[in-house]
Amino acid sequence: MKYIFIAMAVLSIAGCAATSKPIKQGKRGIHINCSGLSSSWDKCYTLATSACESRRYKVIAKSGDAVEEPGDYPFGLNPAGYTSRSMIIVCRKAAPGVENASQP
């Protein structure tokens, strides 16, 4: 029983990860993975904001964007299983004269 809780804890912590991959036009895209039972798109957007030095980014691709409301499930968790969410972003340059502006 305790191994199940340990496995769930590891999966929930490892559910969000970011890796950098090349995309078109020689820019580097950042792949953000927010899959998991307790994750949400808000968590993905927060990770995207913190991944960019300028705190500005453009979403290139999203997957797993089925519309789910937290009220649809008991305690806000999907009892049917694992939910997959990921997106690829490109960081934008900081706007002149504006520091740390967040604008997805």
N, C-alpha and C. Protein backbone atom coordinates (compact mmCIF):
# COMPACT_ATOMS: atom_id res chain seq x y z
N MET A 1 0.82 -1.19 0.00
CA MET A 1 0.00 0.00 0.00
C MET A 1 0.86 1.26 0.00
N LYS A 2 1.94 1.23 0.82
CA LYS A 2 2.77 2.43 0.86
C LYS A 2 3.50 2.65 -0.46
N TYR A 3 3.76 1.57 -1.21
CA TYR A 3 4.43 1.71 -2.51
C TYR A 3 3.54 2.42 -3.52
N ILE A 4 2.23 2.23 -3.39
CA ILE A 4 1.30 2.92 -4.28
C ILE A 4 1.36 4.42 -4.03
N PHE A 5 1.39 4.82 -2.75
CA PHE A 5 1.47 6.24 -2.43
C PHE A 5 2.79 6.84 -2.88
N ILE A 6 3.87 6.09 -2.74
CA ILE A 6 5.18 6.57 -3.18
C ILE A 6 5.18 6.75 -4.70
N ALA A 7 4.62 5.77 -5.41
CA ALA A 7 4.57 5.85 -6.88
C ALA A 7 3.71 7.04 -7.32
N MET A 8 2.59 7.27 -6.65
CA MET A 8 1.73 8.40 -7.00
C MET A 8 2.43 9.72 -6.73
N ALA A 9 3.17 9.80 -5.62
CA ALA A 9 3.90 11.03 -5.30
C ALA A 9 4.97 11.31 -6.36
N VAL A 10 5.69 10.28 -6.77
CA VAL A 10 6.73 10.45 -7.78
C VAL A 10 6.11 10.89 -9.11
N LEU A 11 5.00 10.28 -9.50
CA LEU A 11 4.35 10.64 -10.76
C LEU A 11 3.81 12.07 -10.73
N SER A 12 3.27 12.49 -9.59
CA SER A 12 2.73 13.85 -9.53
C SER A 12 3.84 14.89 -9.56
N ILE A 13 4.98 14.58 -8.96
CA ILE A 13 6.11 15.51 -8.99
C ILE A 13 6.74 15.54 -10.37
N ALA A 14 6.88 14.38 -10.98
CA ALA A 14 7.52 14.29 -12.30
C ALA A 14 6.56 14.65 -13.42
N GLY A 15 5.32 14.95 -13.11
CA GLY A 15 4.33 15.25 -14.13
C GLY A 15 4.62 16.50 -14.93
N CYS A 16 5.30 17.47 -14.34
CA CYS A 16 5.61 18.70 -15.04
C CYS A 16 7.10 18.76 -15.33
N ALA A 17 7.43 18.87 -16.57
CA ALA A 17 8.83 18.96 -16.98
C ALA A 17 8.94 19.85 -18.20
N ALA A 18 10.10 20.42 -18.39
CA ALA A 18 10.32 21.28 -19.56
C ALA A 18 11.61 20.87 -20.24
N THR A 19 11.57 20.73 -21.55
CA THR A 19 12.76 20.42 -22.33
C THR A 19 12.81 21.36 -23.52
N SER A 20 13.99 21.61 -24.02
CA SER A 20 14.17 22.53 -25.14
C SER A 20 14.42 21.75 -26.42
N LYS A 21 13.67 22.08 -27.48
CA LYS A 21 13.80 21.41 -28.77
C LYS A 21 13.87 22.45 -29.87
N PRO A 22 14.67 22.20 -30.95
CA PRO A 22 14.71 23.16 -32.05
C PRO A 22 13.39 23.15 -32.84
N ILE A 23 12.96 24.30 -33.29
CA ILE A 23 11.77 24.42 -34.12
C ILE A 23 12.15 25.16 -35.40
N LYS A 24 11.19 25.49 -36.22
CA LYS A 24 11.44 26.18 -37.49
C LYS A 24 12.17 27.51 -37.27
N GLN A 25 12.85 27.96 -38.28
CA GLN A 25 13.52 29.25 -38.33
C GLN A 25 14.67 29.37 -37.33
N GLY A 26 15.21 28.24 -36.88
CA GLY A 26 16.39 28.25 -36.04
C GLY A 26 16.17 28.66 -34.60
N LYS A 27 14.94 28.91 -34.19
CA LYS A 27 14.68 29.27 -32.80
C LYS A 27 14.58 28.01 -31.96
N ARG A 28 14.77 28.14 -30.66
CA ARG A 28 14.63 27.02 -29.75
C ARG A 28 13.25 27.08 -29.10
N GLY A 29 12.52 25.99 -29.22
CA GLY A 29 11.23 25.89 -28.57
C GLY A 29 11.39 25.16 -27.25
N ILE A 30 10.55 25.47 -26.31
CA ILE A 30 10.58 24.79 -25.02
C ILE A 30 9.33 23.94 -24.92
N HIS A 31 9.53 22.65 -24.68
CA HIS A 31 8.42 21.72 -24.54
C HIS A 31 8.08 21.63 -23.06
N ILE A 32 6.86 21.99 -22.71
CA ILE A 32 6.41 21.95 -21.32
C ILE A 32 5.35 20.88 -21.20
N ASN A 33 5.58 19.95 -20.29
CA ASN A 33 4.69 18.82 -20.09
C ASN A 33 4.05 18.95 -18.71
N CYS A 34 2.74 19.11 -18.67
CA CYS A 34 2.00 19.23 -17.41
C CYS A 34 0.98 18.11 -17.30
N SER A 35 1.39 16.92 -17.60
CA SER A 35 0.49 15.78 -17.53
C SER A 35 0.37 15.32 -16.09
N GLY A 36 -0.76 14.77 -15.77
CA GLY A 36 -0.95 14.23 -14.44
C GLY A 36 -2.37 14.44 -13.94
N LEU A 37 -2.69 13.74 -12.88
CA LEU A 37 -4.04 13.81 -12.33
C LEU A 37 -4.35 15.17 -11.71
N SER A 38 -3.37 15.76 -11.04
CA SER A 38 -3.65 16.99 -10.31
C SER A 38 -3.13 18.23 -11.03
N SER A 39 -2.74 18.10 -12.29
CA SER A 39 -2.19 19.22 -13.03
C SER A 39 -3.30 19.95 -13.78
N SER A 40 -2.98 21.15 -14.27
CA SER A 40 -3.97 21.94 -15.02
C SER A 40 -3.24 22.79 -16.05
N TRP A 41 -4.01 23.41 -16.95
CA TRP A 41 -3.40 24.30 -17.93
C TRP A 41 -2.80 25.52 -17.25
N ASP A 42 -3.41 25.97 -16.15
CA ASP A 42 -2.85 27.10 -15.42
C ASP A 42 -1.43 26.81 -14.96
N LYS A 43 -1.19 25.57 -14.55
CA LYS A 43 0.14 25.17 -14.12
C LYS A 43 1.11 25.21 -15.30
N CYS A 44 0.65 24.80 -16.49
CA CYS A 44 1.48 24.87 -17.70
C CYS A 44 1.84 26.31 -18.02
N TYR A 45 0.87 27.21 -17.95
CA TYR A 45 1.13 28.61 -18.25
C TYR A 45 2.10 29.23 -17.24
N THR A 46 1.98 28.84 -15.98
CA THR A 46 2.90 29.33 -14.96
C THR A 46 4.32 28.84 -15.24
N LEU A 47 4.46 27.56 -15.61
CA LEU A 47 5.77 27.02 -15.95
C LEU A 47 6.34 27.71 -17.19
N ALA A 48 5.49 28.01 -18.16
CA ALA A 48 5.95 28.69 -19.37
C ALA A 48 6.46 30.09 -19.05
N THR A 49 5.75 30.79 -18.19
CA THR A 49 6.17 32.14 -17.80
C THR A 49 7.51 32.11 -17.09
N SER A 50 7.69 31.14 -16.19
CA SER A 50 8.95 31.07 -15.45
C SER A 50 10.09 30.52 -16.30
N ALA A 51 9.79 29.82 -17.40
CA ALA A 51 10.84 29.25 -18.25
C ALA A 51 11.50 30.32 -19.12
N CYS A 52 10.81 31.41 -19.36
CA CYS A 52 11.35 32.47 -20.22
C CYS A 52 11.92 33.60 -19.37
N GLU A 53 13.12 34.02 -19.73
CA GLU A 53 13.78 35.09 -18.98
C GLU A 53 12.98 36.39 -19.04
N SER A 54 12.38 36.67 -20.20
CA SER A 54 11.59 37.89 -20.36
C SER A 54 10.18 37.75 -19.78
N ARG A 55 9.82 36.53 -19.39
CA ARG A 55 8.49 36.19 -18.86
C ARG A 55 7.40 36.39 -19.92
N ARG A 56 7.80 36.44 -21.20
CA ARG A 56 6.88 36.55 -22.33
C ARG A 56 7.13 35.39 -23.25
N TYR A 57 6.06 34.82 -23.82
CA TYR A 57 6.21 33.67 -24.69
C TYR A 57 5.07 33.60 -25.68
N LYS A 58 5.27 32.77 -26.71
CA LYS A 58 4.23 32.51 -27.70
C LYS A 58 4.02 31.00 -27.74
N VAL A 59 2.77 30.56 -27.65
CA VAL A 59 2.45 29.13 -27.71
C VAL A 59 2.46 28.71 -29.17
N ILE A 60 3.32 27.73 -29.50
CA ILE A 60 3.42 27.22 -30.86
C ILE A 60 2.46 26.05 -31.07
N ALA A 61 2.37 25.16 -30.08
CA ALA A 61 1.50 23.98 -30.19
C ALA A 61 1.03 23.55 -28.81
N LYS A 62 -0.19 23.03 -28.77
CA LYS A 62 -0.76 22.48 -27.54
C LYS A 62 -1.35 21.12 -27.86
N SER A 63 -1.27 20.21 -26.90
CA SER A 63 -1.94 18.92 -27.07
C SER A 63 -2.63 18.55 -25.77
N GLY A 64 -3.71 17.80 -25.93
CA GLY A 64 -4.46 17.37 -24.75
C GLY A 64 -5.36 18.45 -24.22
N ASP A 65 -5.87 19.33 -25.09
CA ASP A 65 -6.66 20.45 -24.61
C ASP A 65 -8.16 20.15 -24.59
N ALA A 66 -8.53 18.98 -24.11
CA ALA A 66 -9.96 18.70 -23.93
C ALA A 66 -10.49 19.61 -22.83
N VAL A 67 -11.66 20.15 -23.04
CA VAL A 67 -12.22 21.07 -22.07
C VAL A 67 -12.72 20.29 -20.86
N GLU A 68 -12.09 20.56 -19.73
CA GLU A 68 -12.49 19.92 -18.48
C GLU A 68 -12.62 20.99 -17.42
N GLU A 69 -13.69 20.95 -16.72
CA GLU A 69 -13.90 21.87 -15.61
C GLU A 69 -13.61 21.13 -14.32
N PRO A 70 -12.94 21.78 -13.36
CA PRO A 70 -12.65 21.10 -12.09
C PRO A 70 -13.91 20.60 -11.39
N GLY A 71 -15.04 21.27 -11.60
CA GLY A 71 -16.28 20.85 -10.98
C GLY A 71 -16.88 19.59 -11.59
N ASP A 72 -16.33 19.16 -12.74
CA ASP A 72 -16.84 17.96 -13.40
C ASP A 72 -16.50 16.69 -12.64
N TYR A 73 -15.48 16.75 -11.80
CA TYR A 73 -14.99 15.55 -11.12
C TYR A 73 -14.96 15.79 -9.61
N PRO A 74 -15.11 14.71 -8.84
CA PRO A 74 -15.03 14.87 -7.38
C PRO A 74 -13.64 15.32 -6.97
N PHE A 75 -13.56 16.31 -6.11
CA PHE A 75 -12.31 16.88 -5.61
C PHE A 75 -11.44 17.46 -6.72
N GLY A 76 -12.01 17.71 -7.91
CA GLY A 76 -11.27 18.29 -9.02
C GLY A 76 -10.33 17.34 -9.72
N LEU A 77 -10.37 16.04 -9.40
CA LEU A 77 -9.50 15.04 -10.01
C LEU A 77 -10.30 14.13 -10.91
N ASN A 78 -9.72 13.77 -12.03
CA ASN A 78 -10.35 12.86 -12.97
C ASN A 78 -10.14 11.43 -12.49
N PRO A 79 -11.19 10.75 -12.01
CA PRO A 79 -11.02 9.39 -11.50
C PRO A 79 -10.76 8.36 -12.59
N ALA A 80 -11.00 8.72 -13.86
CA ALA A 80 -10.82 7.76 -14.95
C ALA A 80 -9.35 7.53 -15.27
N GLY A 81 -8.49 8.42 -14.86
CA GLY A 81 -7.08 8.18 -15.12
C GLY A 81 -6.27 9.41 -15.43
N TYR A 82 -5.15 9.14 -16.01
CA TYR A 82 -4.10 10.10 -16.29
C TYR A 82 -4.53 11.09 -17.38
N THR A 83 -4.30 12.36 -17.16
CA THR A 83 -4.61 13.38 -18.15
C THR A 83 -3.31 13.90 -18.75
N SER A 84 -3.25 13.96 -20.07
CA SER A 84 -2.03 14.40 -20.76
C SER A 84 -2.19 15.83 -21.24
N ARG A 85 -1.23 16.69 -20.86
CA ARG A 85 -1.21 18.07 -21.32
C ARG A 85 0.22 18.45 -21.64
N SER A 86 0.44 19.05 -22.78
CA SER A 86 1.77 19.57 -23.10
C SER A 86 1.65 20.69 -24.11
N MET A 87 2.67 21.54 -24.14
CA MET A 87 2.69 22.62 -25.11
C MET A 87 4.13 22.98 -25.44
N ILE A 88 4.31 23.56 -26.61
CA ILE A 88 5.62 24.03 -27.05
C ILE A 88 5.53 25.54 -27.15
N ILE A 89 6.49 26.22 -26.53
CA ILE A 89 6.49 27.68 -26.54
C ILE A 89 7.81 28.20 -27.10
N VAL A 90 7.80 29.44 -27.54
CA VAL A 90 9.00 30.17 -27.94
C VAL A 90 9.03 31.43 -27.09
N CYS A 91 10.14 31.66 -26.42
CA CYS A 91 10.27 32.86 -25.59
C CYS A 91 10.39 34.09 -26.47
N ARG A 92 9.73 35.15 -26.06
CA ARG A 92 9.80 36.43 -26.77
C ARG A 92 10.85 37.31 -26.10
N LYS A 93 11.34 38.27 -26.87
CA LYS A 93 12.27 39.24 -26.30
C LYS A 93 11.50 40.19 -25.41
N ALA A 94 12.21 40.74 -24.44
CA ALA A 94 11.59 41.71 -23.54
C ALA A 94 11.24 42.97 -24.32
N ALA A 95 10.09 43.53 -24.04
CA ALA A 95 9.68 44.77 -24.69
C ALA A 95 10.59 45.90 -24.22
N PRO A 96 10.95 46.82 -25.12
CA PRO A 96 11.82 47.93 -24.71
C PRO A 96 11.18 48.76 -23.62
N GLY A 97 11.92 48.98 -22.55
CA GLY A 97 11.42 49.80 -21.45
C GLY A 97 10.49 49.09 -20.50
N VAL A 98 10.17 47.83 -20.76
CA VAL A 98 9.28 47.07 -19.88
C VAL A 98 10.05 45.87 -19.36
N GLU A 99 10.07 45.72 -18.03
CA GLU A 99 10.78 44.60 -17.44
C GLU A 99 9.78 43.61 -16.85
N ASN A 100 10.04 42.33 -17.11
CA ASN A 100 9.25 41.23 -16.55
C ASN A 100 7.76 41.35 -16.83
N ALA A 101 7.39 41.76 -18.02
CA ALA A 101 5.98 41.82 -18.40
C ALA A 101 5.54 40.43 -18.83
N SER A 102 4.47 39.94 -18.27
CA SER A 102 3.97 38.62 -18.63
C SER A 102 2.82 38.78 -19.62
N GLN A 103 3.02 38.24 -20.82
CA GLN A 103 2.00 38.37 -21.85
C GLN A 103 2.03 37.14 -22.73
N PRO A 104 1.18 36.12 -22.45
CA PRO A 104 1.19 34.90 -23.27
C PRO A 104 0.68 35.12 -24.66
